[in-house]
PDB file of N, CA and C in Angstrom:
ATOM      1  N   MET A   1     -17.858  -9.114   4.007  1.00  0.00           N
ATOM      2  CA  MET A   1     -16.706  -8.460   4.585  1.00  0.00           C
ATOM      3  C   MET A   1     -17.187  -7.655   5.792  1.00  0.00           C
ATOM      4  N   GLN A   2     -16.522  -7.848   6.888  1.00  0.00           N
ATOM      5  CA  GLN A   2     -16.858  -7.101   8.090  1.00  0.00           C
ATOM      6  C   GLN A   2     -16.199  -5.732   8.047  1.00  0.00           C
ATOM      7  N   ILE A   3     -16.645  -4.846   8.936  1.00  0.00           N
ATOM      8  CA  ILE A   3     -16.121  -3.478   8.946  1.00  0.00           C
ATOM      9  C   ILE A   3     -14.636  -3.459   9.307  1.00  0.00           C
ATOM     10  N   THR A   4     -14.208  -4.357  10.190  1.00  0.00           N
ATOM     11  CA  THR A   4     -12.790  -4.377  10.548  1.00  0.00           C
ATOM     12  C   THR A   4     -11.936  -4.839   9.368  1.00  0.00           C
ATOM     13  N   SER A   5     -12.444  -5.781   8.607  1.00  0.00           N
ATOM     14  CA  SER A   5     -11.711  -6.230   7.413  1.00  0.00           C
ATOM     15  C   SER A   5     -11.601  -5.117   6.392  1.00  0.00           C
ATOM     16  N   ALA A   6     -12.661  -4.351   6.240  1.00  0.00           N
ATOM     17  CA  ALA A   6     -12.633  -3.232   5.298  1.00  0.00           C
ATOM     18  C   ALA A   6     -11.658  -2.163   5.751  1.00  0.00           C
ATOM     19  N   LEU A   7     -11.610  -1.899   7.048  1.00  0.00           N
ATOM     20  CA  LEU A   7     -10.674  -0.893   7.564  1.00  0.00           C
ATOM     21  C   LEU A   7      -9.223  -1.354   7.444  1.00  0.00           C
ATOM     22  N   VAL A   8      -8.984  -2.637   7.667  1.00  0.00           N
ATOM     23  CA  VAL A   8      -7.626  -3.166   7.502  1.00  0.00           C
ATOM     24  C   VAL A   8      -7.204  -3.084   6.038  1.00  0.00           C
ATOM     25  N   LEU A   9      -8.109  -3.405   5.122  1.00  0.00           N
ATOM     26  CA  LEU A   9      -7.810  -3.296   3.696  1.00  0.00           C
ATOM     27  C   LEU A   9      -7.514  -1.849   3.315  1.00  0.00           C
ATOM     28  N   LEU A  10      -8.276  -0.912   3.867  1.00  0.00           N
ATOM     29  CA  LEU A  10      -8.023   0.510   3.606  1.00  0.00           C
ATOM     30  C   LEU A  10      -6.663   0.930   4.148  1.00  0.00           C
ATOM     31  N   ALA A  11      -6.311   0.461   5.344  1.00  0.00           N
ATOM     32  CA  ALA A  11      -5.014   0.804   5.929  1.00  0.00           C
ATOM     33  C   ALA A  11      -3.865   0.245   5.090  1.00  0.00           C
ATOM     34  N   VAL A  12      -4.010  -0.967   4.602  1.00  0.00           N
ATOM     35  CA  VAL A  12      -2.977  -1.568   3.753  1.00  0.00           C
ATOM     36  C   VAL A  12      -2.828  -0.784   2.463  1.00  0.00           C
ATOM     37  N   CYS A  13      -3.945  -0.447   1.837  1.00  0.00           N
ATOM     38  CA  CYS A  13      -3.901   0.352   0.603  1.00  0.00           C
ATOM     39  C   CYS A  13      -3.281   1.719   0.864  1.00  0.00           C
ATOM     40  N   TRP A  14      -3.638   2.334   2.000  1.00  0.00           N
ATOM     41  CA  TRP A  14      -3.143   3.679   2.311  1.00  0.00           C
ATOM     42  C   TRP A  14      -1.635   3.677   2.517  1.00  0.00           C
ATOM     43  N   PHE A  15      -1.116   2.743   3.305  1.00  0.00           N
ATOM     44  CA  PHE A  15       0.323   2.729   3.577  1.00  0.00           C
ATOM     45  C   PHE A  15       1.135   2.321   2.343  1.00  0.00           C
ATOM     46  N   MET A  16       0.617   1.388   1.548  1.00  0.00           N
ATOM     47  CA  MET A  16       1.336   1.031   0.316  1.00  0.00           C
ATOM     48  C   MET A  16       1.387   2.220  -0.633  1.00  0.00           C
ATOM     49  N   THR A  17       0.288   2.970  -0.715  1.00  0.00           N
ATOM     50  CA  THR A  17       0.266   4.163  -1.557  1.00  0.00           C
ATOM     51  C   THR A  17       1.196   5.235  -1.003  1.00  0.00           C
ATOM     52  N   LEU A  18       1.232   5.386   0.321  1.00  0.00           N
ATOM     53  CA  LEU A  18       2.123   6.381   0.937  1.00  0.00           C
ATOM     54  C   LEU A  18       3.579   6.101   0.588  1.00  0.00           C
ATOM     55  N   PHE A  19       3.985   4.845   0.656  1.00  0.00           N
ATOM     56  CA  PHE A  19       5.377   4.519   0.360  1.00  0.00           C
ATOM     57  C   PHE A  19       5.714   4.731  -1.111  1.00  0.00           C
ATOM     58  N   ILE A  20       4.715   4.714  -1.974  1.00  0.00           N
ATOM     59  CA  ILE A  20       4.946   5.022  -3.389  1.00  0.00           C
ATOM     60  C   ILE A  20       4.995   6.530  -3.603  1.00  0.00           C
ATOM     61  N   VAL A  21       4.150   7.273  -2.890  1.00  0.00           N
ATOM     62  CA  VAL A  21       4.040   8.724  -3.095  1.00  0.00           C
ATOM     63  C   VAL A  21       5.193   9.487  -2.440  1.00  0.00           C
ATOM     64  N   LEU A  22       5.739   8.997  -1.335  1.00  0.00           N
ATOM     65  CA  LEU A  22       6.768   9.735  -0.604  1.00  0.00           C
ATOM     66  C   LEU A  22       7.960  10.196  -1.461  1.00  0.00           C
ATOM     67  N   PRO A  23       8.556   9.353  -2.280  1.00  0.00           N
ATOM     68  CA  PRO A  23       9.734   9.830  -3.026  1.00  0.00           C
ATOM     69  C   PRO A  23       9.417  10.669  -4.264  1.00  0.00           C
ATOM     70  N   ILE A  24       8.138  10.830  -4.627  1.00  0.00           N
ATOM     71  CA  ILE A  24       7.795  11.590  -5.820  1.00  0.00           C
ATOM     72  C   ILE A  24       8.053  13.073  -5.571  1.00  0.00           C
ATOM     73  N   ARG A  25       8.759  13.719  -6.480  1.00  0.00           N
ATOM     74  CA  ARG A  25       9.109  15.148  -6.426  1.00  0.00           C
ATOM     75  C   ARG A  25       9.850  15.537  -5.162  1.00  0.00           C
ATOM     76  N   MET A  26      10.646  14.634  -4.619  1.00  0.00           N
ATOM     77  CA  MET A  26      11.419  14.935  -3.426  1.00  0.00           C
ATOM     78  C   MET A  26      12.698  15.659  -3.812  1.00  0.00           C
ATOM     79  N   GLU A  27      12.948  16.782  -3.169  1.00  0.00           N
ATOM     80  CA  GLU A  27      14.187  17.521  -3.365  1.00  0.00           C
ATOM     81  C   GLU A  27      15.073  17.285  -2.160  1.00  0.00           C
ATOM     82  N   THR A  28      16.255  16.777  -2.409  1.00  0.00           N
ATOM     83  CA  THR A  28      17.174  16.522  -1.309  1.00  0.00           C
ATOM     84  C   THR A  28      17.960  17.781  -0.977  1.00  0.00           C
ATOM     85  N   GLN A  29      18.602  17.765   0.177  1.00  0.00           N
ATOM     86  CA  GLN A  29      19.438  18.894   0.562  1.00  0.00           C
ATOM     87  C   GLN A  29      20.627  19.031  -0.377  1.00  0.00           C
ATOM     88  N   GLY A  30      21.086  17.917  -0.915  1.00  0.00           N
ATOM     89  CA  GLY A  30      22.177  17.958  -1.882  1.00  0.00           C
ATOM     90  C   GLY A  30      21.747  18.610  -3.190  1.00  0.00           C
ATOM     91  N   ASP A  31      20.473  18.402  -3.594  1.00  0.00           N
ATOM     92  CA  ASP A  31      19.954  19.027  -4.812  1.00  0.00           C
ATOM     93  C   ASP A  31      19.861  20.540  -4.667  1.00  0.00           C
ATOM     94  N   THR A  32      19.426  21.001  -3.501  1.00  0.00           N
ATOM     95  CA  THR A  32      19.263  22.440  -3.292  1.00  0.00           C
ATOM     96  C   THR A  32      20.560  23.130  -2.918  1.00  0.00           C
ATOM     97  N   GLY A  33      21.551  22.372  -2.475  1.00  0.00           N
ATOM     98  CA  GLY A  33      22.843  22.943  -2.104  1.00  0.00           C
ATOM     99  C   GLY A  33      22.884  23.484  -0.685  1.00  0.00           C
ATOM    100  N   LYS A  34      21.881  23.215   0.111  1.00  0.00           N
ATOM    101  CA  LYS A  34      21.824  23.678   1.500  1.00  0.00           C
ATOM    102  C   LYS A  34      21.792  22.478   2.427  1.00  0.00           C
ATOM    103  N   VAL A  35      22.952  21.902   2.707  1.00  0.00           N
ATOM    104  CA  VAL A  35      23.034  20.728   3.567  1.00  0.00           C
ATOM    105  C   VAL A  35      23.194  21.194   5.011  1.00  0.00           C
ATOM    106  N   THR A  36      22.238  20.812   5.862  1.00  0.00           N
ATOM    107  CA  THR A  36      22.284  21.154   7.277  1.00  0.00           C
ATOM    108  C   THR A  36      23.354  20.314   7.956  1.00  0.00           C
ATOM    109  N   LEU A  37      24.103  20.934   8.829  1.00  0.00           N
ATOM    110  CA  LEU A  37      25.179  20.253   9.530  1.00  0.00           C
ATOM    111  C   LEU A  37      24.618  19.086  10.346  1.00  0.00           C
ATOM    112  N   GLY A  38      25.192  17.930  10.180  1.00  0.00           N
ATOM    113  CA  GLY A  38      24.767  16.742  10.911  1.00  0.00           C
ATOM    114  C   GLY A  38      23.753  15.886  10.177  1.00  0.00           C
ATOM    115  N   THR A  39      23.366  16.287   8.969  1.00  0.00           N
ATOM    116  CA  THR A  39      22.421  15.489   8.186  1.00  0.00           C
ATOM    117  C   THR A  39      23.079  15.055   6.881  1.00  0.00           C
ATOM    118  N   PRO A  40      22.650  13.935   6.314  1.00  0.00           N
ATOM    119  CA  PRO A  40      23.226  13.521   5.030  1.00  0.00           C
ATOM    120  C   PRO A  40      22.684  14.384   3.897  1.00  0.00           C
ATOM    121  N   ALA A  41      23.406  14.413   2.815  1.00  0.00           N
ATOM    122  CA  ALA A  41      22.989  15.217   1.659  1.00  0.00           C
ATOM    123  C   ALA A  41      21.725  14.650   1.015  1.00  0.00           C
ATOM    124  N   GLY A  42      21.433  13.400   1.264  1.00  0.00           N
ATOM    125  CA  GLY A  42      20.236  12.777   0.691  1.00  0.00           C
ATOM    126  C   GLY A  42      18.977  13.029   1.487  1.00  0.00           C
ATOM    127  N   ALA A  43      19.073  13.758   2.597  1.00  0.00           N
ATOM    128  CA  ALA A  43      17.885  14.077   3.398  1.00  0.00           C
ATOM    129  C   ALA A  43      17.015  15.080   2.652  1.00  0.00           C
ATOM    130  N   PRO A  44      15.699  14.959   2.778  1.00  0.00           N
ATOM    131  CA  PRO A  44      14.826  15.891   2.056  1.00  0.00           C
ATOM    132  C   PRO A  44      14.930  17.304   2.605  1.00  0.00           C
ATOM    133  N   SER A  45      14.857  18.285   1.702  1.00  0.00           N
ATOM    134  CA  SER A  45      14.895  19.677   2.148  1.00  0.00           C
ATOM    135  C   SER A  45      13.491  20.198   2.426  1.00  0.00           C
ATOM    136  N   LYS A  46      12.531  19.842   1.596  1.00  0.00           N
ATOM    137  CA  LYS A  46      11.122  20.204   1.810  1.00  0.00           C
ATOM    138  C   LYS A  46      10.301  18.926   1.713  1.00  0.00           C
ATOM    139  N   ILE A  47       9.609  18.606   2.787  1.00  0.00           N
ATOM    140  CA  ILE A  47       8.864  17.346   2.806  1.00  0.00           C
ATOM    141  C   ILE A  47       7.484  17.507   2.182  1.00  0.00           C
ATOM    142  N   ASN A  48       6.765  18.584   2.520  1.00  0.00           N
ATOM    143  CA  ASN A  48       5.433  18.852   1.994  1.00  0.00           C
ATOM    144  C   ASN A  48       4.487  17.678   2.260  1.00  0.00           C
ATOM    145  N   MET A  49       4.438  17.252   3.533  1.00  0.00           N
ATOM    146  CA  MET A  49       3.665  16.065   3.911  1.00  0.00           C
ATOM    147  C   MET A  49       2.159  16.254   3.770  1.00  0.00           C
ATOM    148  N   ARG A  50       1.652  17.463   3.979  1.00  0.00           N
ATOM    149  CA  ARG A  50       0.211  17.678   3.864  1.00  0.00           C
ATOM    150  C   ARG A  50      -0.289  17.311   2.473  1.00  0.00           C
ATOM    151  N   ARG A  51       0.437  17.748   1.472  1.00  0.00           N
ATOM    152  CA  ARG A  51       0.045  17.462   0.085  1.00  0.00           C
ATOM    153  C   ARG A  51       0.176  15.976  -0.214  1.00  0.00           C
ATOM    154  N   LYS A  52       1.239  15.359   0.297  1.00  0.00           N
ATOM    155  CA  LYS A  52       1.446  13.933   0.045  1.00  0.00           C
ATOM    156  C   LYS A  52       0.393  13.078   0.744  1.00  0.00           C
ATOM    157  N   ILE A  53      -0.047  13.496   1.919  1.00  0.00           N
ATOM    158  CA  ILE A  53      -1.092  12.756   2.631  1.00  0.00           C
ATOM    159  C   ILE A  53      -2.421  12.894   1.904  1.00  0.00           C
ATOM    160  N   LYS A  54      -2.707  14.082   1.366  1.00  0.00           N
ATOM    161  CA  LYS A  54      -3.943  14.256   0.593  1.00  0.00           C
ATOM    162  C   LYS A  54      -3.938  13.378  -0.653  1.00  0.00           C
ATOM    163  N   ILE A  55      -2.822  13.379  -1.378  1.00  0.00           N
ATOM    164  CA  ILE A  55      -2.713  12.548  -2.581  1.00  0.00           C
ATOM    165  C   ILE A  55      -2.839  11.072  -2.215  1.00  0.00           C
ATOM    166  N   THR A  56      -2.168  10.676  -1.144  1.00  0.00           N
ATOM    167  CA  THR A  56      -2.217   9.283  -0.690  1.00  0.00           C
ATOM    168  C   THR A  56      -3.639   8.873  -0.341  1.00  0.00           C
ATOM    169  N   SER A  57      -4.352   9.716   0.362  1.00  0.00           N
ATOM    170  CA  SER A  57      -5.717   9.389   0.775  1.00  0.00           C
ATOM    171  C   SER A  57      -6.645   9.250  -0.429  1.00  0.00           C
ATOM    172  N   ILE A  58      -6.512  10.141  -1.394  1.00  0.00           N
ATOM    173  CA  ILE A  58      -7.373  10.080  -2.579  1.00  0.00           C
ATOM    174  C   ILE A  58      -7.094   8.824  -3.394  1.00  0.00           C
ATOM    175  N   VAL A  59      -5.823   8.537  -3.627  1.00  0.00           N
ATOM    176  CA  VAL A  59      -5.459   7.363  -4.435  1.00  0.00           C
ATOM    177  C   VAL A  59      -5.808   6.068  -3.702  1.00  0.00           C
ATOM    178  N   ALA A  60      -5.542   6.019  -2.393  1.00  0.00           N
ATOM    179  CA  ALA A  60      -5.856   4.808  -1.627  1.00  0.00           C
ATOM    180  C   ALA A  60      -7.357   4.551  -1.608  1.00  0.00           C
ATOM    181  N   PHE A  61      -8.164   5.597  -1.478  1.00  0.00           N
ATOM    182  CA  PHE A  61      -9.611   5.416  -1.499  1.00  0.00           C
ATOM    183  C   PHE A  61     -10.078   4.957  -2.874  1.00  0.00           C
ATOM    184  N   ALA A  62      -9.445   5.503  -3.926  1.00  0.00           N
ATOM    185  CA  ALA A  62      -9.802   5.085  -5.292  1.00  0.00           C
ATOM    186  C   ALA A  62      -9.424   3.629  -5.554  1.00  0.00           C
ATOM    187  N   LEU A  63      -8.422   3.115  -4.892  1.00  0.00           N
ATOM    188  CA  LEU A  63      -8.060   1.698  -5.009  1.00  0.00           C
ATOM    189  C   LEU A  63      -8.938   0.820  -4.118  1.00  0.00           C
ATOM    190  N   TRP A  64      -9.295   1.347  -2.957  1.00  0.00           N
ATOM    191  CA  TRP A  64     -10.033   0.580  -1.964  1.00  0.00           C
ATOM    192  C   TRP A  64     -11.462   0.281  -2.400  1.00  0.00           C
ATOM    193  N   VAL A  65     -12.121   1.240  -3.022  1.00  0.00           N
ATOM    194  CA  VAL A  65     -13.518   1.054  -3.423  1.00  0.00           C
ATOM    195  C   VAL A  65     -13.683  -0.121  -4.396  1.00  0.00           C
ATOM    196  N   PRO A  66     -12.894  -0.202  -5.487  1.00  0.00           N
ATOM    197  CA  PRO A  66     -13.054  -1.371  -6.363  1.00  0.00           C
ATOM    198  C   PRO A  66     -12.654  -2.688  -5.698  1.00  0.00           C
ATOM    199  N   LEU A  67     -11.636  -2.644  -4.826  1.00  0.00           N
ATOM    200  CA  LEU A  67     -11.254  -3.873  -4.130  1.00  0.00           C
ATOM    201  C   LEU A  67     -12.392  -4.370  -3.244  1.00  0.00           C
ATOM    202  N   CYS A  68     -13.035  -3.470  -2.520  1.00  0.00           N
ATOM    203  CA  CYS A  68     -14.189  -3.868  -1.692  1.00  0.00           C
ATOM    204  C   CYS A  68     -15.326  -4.380  -2.561  1.00  0.00           C
ATOM    205  N   ALA A  69     -15.551  -3.735  -3.686  1.00  0.00           N
ATOM    206  CA  ALA A  69     -16.627  -4.177  -4.581  1.00  0.00           C
ATOM    207  C   ALA A  69     -16.365  -5.582  -5.114  1.00  0.00           C
ATOM    208  N   ILE A  70     -15.118  -5.863  -5.456  1.00  0.00           N
ATOM    209  CA  ILE A  70     -14.759  -7.195  -5.948  1.00  0.00           C
ATOM    210  C   ILE A  70     -14.944  -8.241  -4.850  1.00  0.00           C
ATOM    211  N   ILE A  71     -14.526  -7.910  -3.644  1.00  0.00           N
ATOM    212  CA  ILE A  71     -14.650  -8.864  -2.545  1.00  0.00           C
ATOM    213  C   ILE A  71     -16.112  -9.092  -2.181  1.00  0.00           C
ATOM    214  N   LEU A  72     -16.883  -8.021  -2.111  1.00  0.00           N
ATOM    215  CA  LEU A  72     -18.293  -8.152  -1.723  1.00  0.00           C
ATOM    216  C   LEU A  72     -19.127  -8.832  -2.797  1.00  0.00           C
ATOM    217  N   SER A  73     -18.752  -8.669  -4.063  1.00  0.00           N
ATOM    218  CA  SER A  73     -19.520  -9.302  -5.136  1.00  0.00           C
ATOM    219  C   SER A  73     -19.273 -10.804  -5.211  1.00  0.00           C
ATOM    220  N   GLY A  74     -18.168 -11.275  -4.679  1.00  0.00           N
ATOM    221  CA  GLY A  74     -17.869 -12.699  -4.707  1.00  0.00           C
ATOM    222  C   GLY A  74     -17.116 -13.140  -5.945  1.00  0.00           C
ATOM    223  N   VAL A  75     -16.649 -12.198  -6.749  1.00  0.00           N
ATOM    224  CA  VAL A  75     -15.866 -12.548  -7.942  1.00  0.00           C
ATOM    225  C   VAL A  75     -14.598 -13.271  -7.530  1.00  0.00           C
ATOM    226  N   ILE A  76     -13.941 -12.777  -6.482  1.00  0.00           N
ATOM    227  CA  ILE A  76     -12.751 -13.423  -5.926  1.00  0.00           C
ATOM    228  C   ILE A  76     -13.054 -13.752  -4.476  1.00  0.00           C
ATOM    229  N   THR A  77     -12.846 -14.986  -4.086  1.00  0.00           N
ATOM    230  CA  THR A  77     -13.078 -15.415  -2.708  1.00  0.00           C
ATOM    231  C   THR A  77     -11.804 -16.013  -2.137  1.00  0.00           C
ATOM    232  N   VAL A  78     -11.850 -16.350  -0.869  1.00  0.00           N
ATOM    233  CA  VAL A  78     -10.709 -16.985  -0.216  1.00  0.00           C
ATOM    234  C   VAL A  78     -10.436 -18.349  -0.834  1.00  0.00           C
ATOM    235  N   ASP A  79     -11.479 -19.024  -1.275  1.00  0.00           N
ATOM    236  CA  ASP A  79     -11.318 -20.350  -1.879  1.00  0.00           C
ATOM    237  C   ASP A  79     -10.505 -20.294  -3.171  1.00  0.00           C
ATOM    238  N   ASP A  80     -10.484 -19.150  -3.838  1.00  0.00           N
ATOM    239  CA  ASP A  80      -9.677 -19.015  -5.048  1.00  0.00           C
ATOM    240  C   ASP A  80      -8.177 -19.046  -4.742  1.00  0.00           C
ATOM    241  N   PHE A  81      -7.806 -18.741  -3.504  1.00  0.00           N
ATOM    242  CA  PHE A  81      -6.401 -18.736  -3.113  1.00  0.00           C
ATOM    243  C   PHE A  81      -5.986 -20.002  -2.384  1.00  0.00           C
ATOM    244  N   ASP A  82      -6.900 -20.936  -2.183  1.00  0.00           N
ATOM    245  CA  ASP A  82      -6.621 -22.166  -1.451  1.00  0.00           C
ATOM    246  C   ASP A  82      -5.987 -23.180  -2.388  1.00  0.00           C
ATOM    247  N   LEU A  83      -4.678 -23.118  -2.534  1.00  0.00           N
ATOM    248  CA  LEU A  83      -3.965 -23.979  -3.472  1.00  0.00           C
ATOM    249  C   LEU A  83      -3.838 -25.415  -2.984  1.00  0.00           C
ATOM    250  N   PHE A  84      -3.869 -25.620  -1.656  1.00  0.00           N
ATOM    251  CA  PHE A  84      -3.658 -26.955  -1.126  1.00  0.00           C
ATOM    252  C   PHE A  84      -4.846 -27.874  -1.383  1.00  0.00           C
ATOM    253  N   HIS A  85      -6.039 -27.346  -1.425  1.00  0.00           N
ATOM    254  CA  HIS A  85      -7.215 -28.185  -1.583  1.00  0.00           C
ATOM    255  C   HIS A  85      -7.838 -28.082  -2.968  1.00  0.00           C
ATOM    256  N   ARG A  86      -7.279 -27.268  -3.816  1.00  0.00           N
ATOM    257  CA  ARG A  86      -7.866 -27.066  -5.137  1.00  0.00           C
ATOM    258  C   ARG A  86      -7.709 -28.308  -6.019  1.00  0.00           C
ATOM    259  N   PHE A  87      -6.541 -28.932  -5.985  1.00  0.00           N
ATOM    260  CA  PHE A  87      -6.264 -30.050  -6.886  1.00  0.00           C
ATOM    261  C   PHE A  87      -6.151 -31.345  -6.095  1.00  0.00           C
ATOM    262  N   GLY A  88      -7.250 -31.978  -5.779  1.00  0.00           N
ATOM    263  CA  GLY A  88      -7.203 -33.315  -5.238  1.00  0.00           C
ATOM    264  C   GLY A  88      -7.245 -33.439  -3.740  1.00  0.00           C
ATOM    265  N   GLY A  89      -7.564 -32.417  -3.021  1.00  0.00           N
ATOM    266  CA  GLY A  89      -7.815 -32.573  -1.597  1.00  0.00           C
ATOM    267  C   GLY A  89      -6.604 -32.499  -0.688  1.00  0.00           C
ATOM    268  N   GLY A  90      -5.582 -31.856  -1.037  1.00  0.00           N
ATOM    269  CA  GLY A  90      -4.506 -31.642  -0.078  1.00  0.00           C
ATOM    270  C   GLY A  90      -3.144 -32.032  -0.623  1.00  0.00           C
ATOM    271  N   LEU A  91      -2.187 -31.978   0.275  1.00  0.00           N
ATOM    272  CA  LEU A  91      -0.819 -32.337  -0.076  1.00  0.00           C
ATOM    273  C   LEU A  91      -0.678 -33.847  -0.151  1.00  0.00           C
ATOM    274  N   ALA A  92       0.167 -34.284  -1.039  1.00  0.00           N
ATOM    275  CA  ALA A  92       0.415 -35.712  -1.161  1.00  0.00           C
ATOM    276  C   ALA A  92       1.299 -36.150   0.001  1.00  0.00           C
ATOM    277  N   PRO A  93       1.036 -37.344   0.564  1.00  0.00           N
ATOM    278  CA  PRO A  93       1.877 -37.808   1.675  1.00  0.00           C
ATOM    279  C   PRO A  93       3.287 -38.138   1.183  1.00  0.00           C
ATOM    280  N   LEU A  94       4.229 -37.876   2.067  1.00  0.00           N
ATOM    281  CA  LEU A  94       5.622 -38.184   1.742  1.00  0.00           C
ATOM    282  C   LEU A  94       5.901 -39.654   1.983  1.00  0.00           C
ATOM    283  N   ASP A  95       6.477 -40.338   1.032  1.00  0.00           N
ATOM    284  CA  ASP A  95       6.790 -41.769   1.182  1.00  0.00           C
ATOM    285  C   ASP A  95       8.264 -41.972   1.329  1.00  0.00           C
TER     286      ASP A  95
END
């Protein structure tokens, strides 16, 4: 695995984790009863992004390390996902 591949894998893990962490413990303006004029009641009242970014980074790194280890060890390779050539050398011709 090259360094760019590892960084792309980390970015994918980080953003997927961020989208999972964002709605956790979110308080909407409707929940608090203080709806700002011009915003929907479902808008967050307190975002607390610093804490969510820290949690996201820790969890994404904890997911990334085993994924890199699996890829570097060769347990799972690209050939394991090659469905077209696995059974008999390709797609059957259409008659």
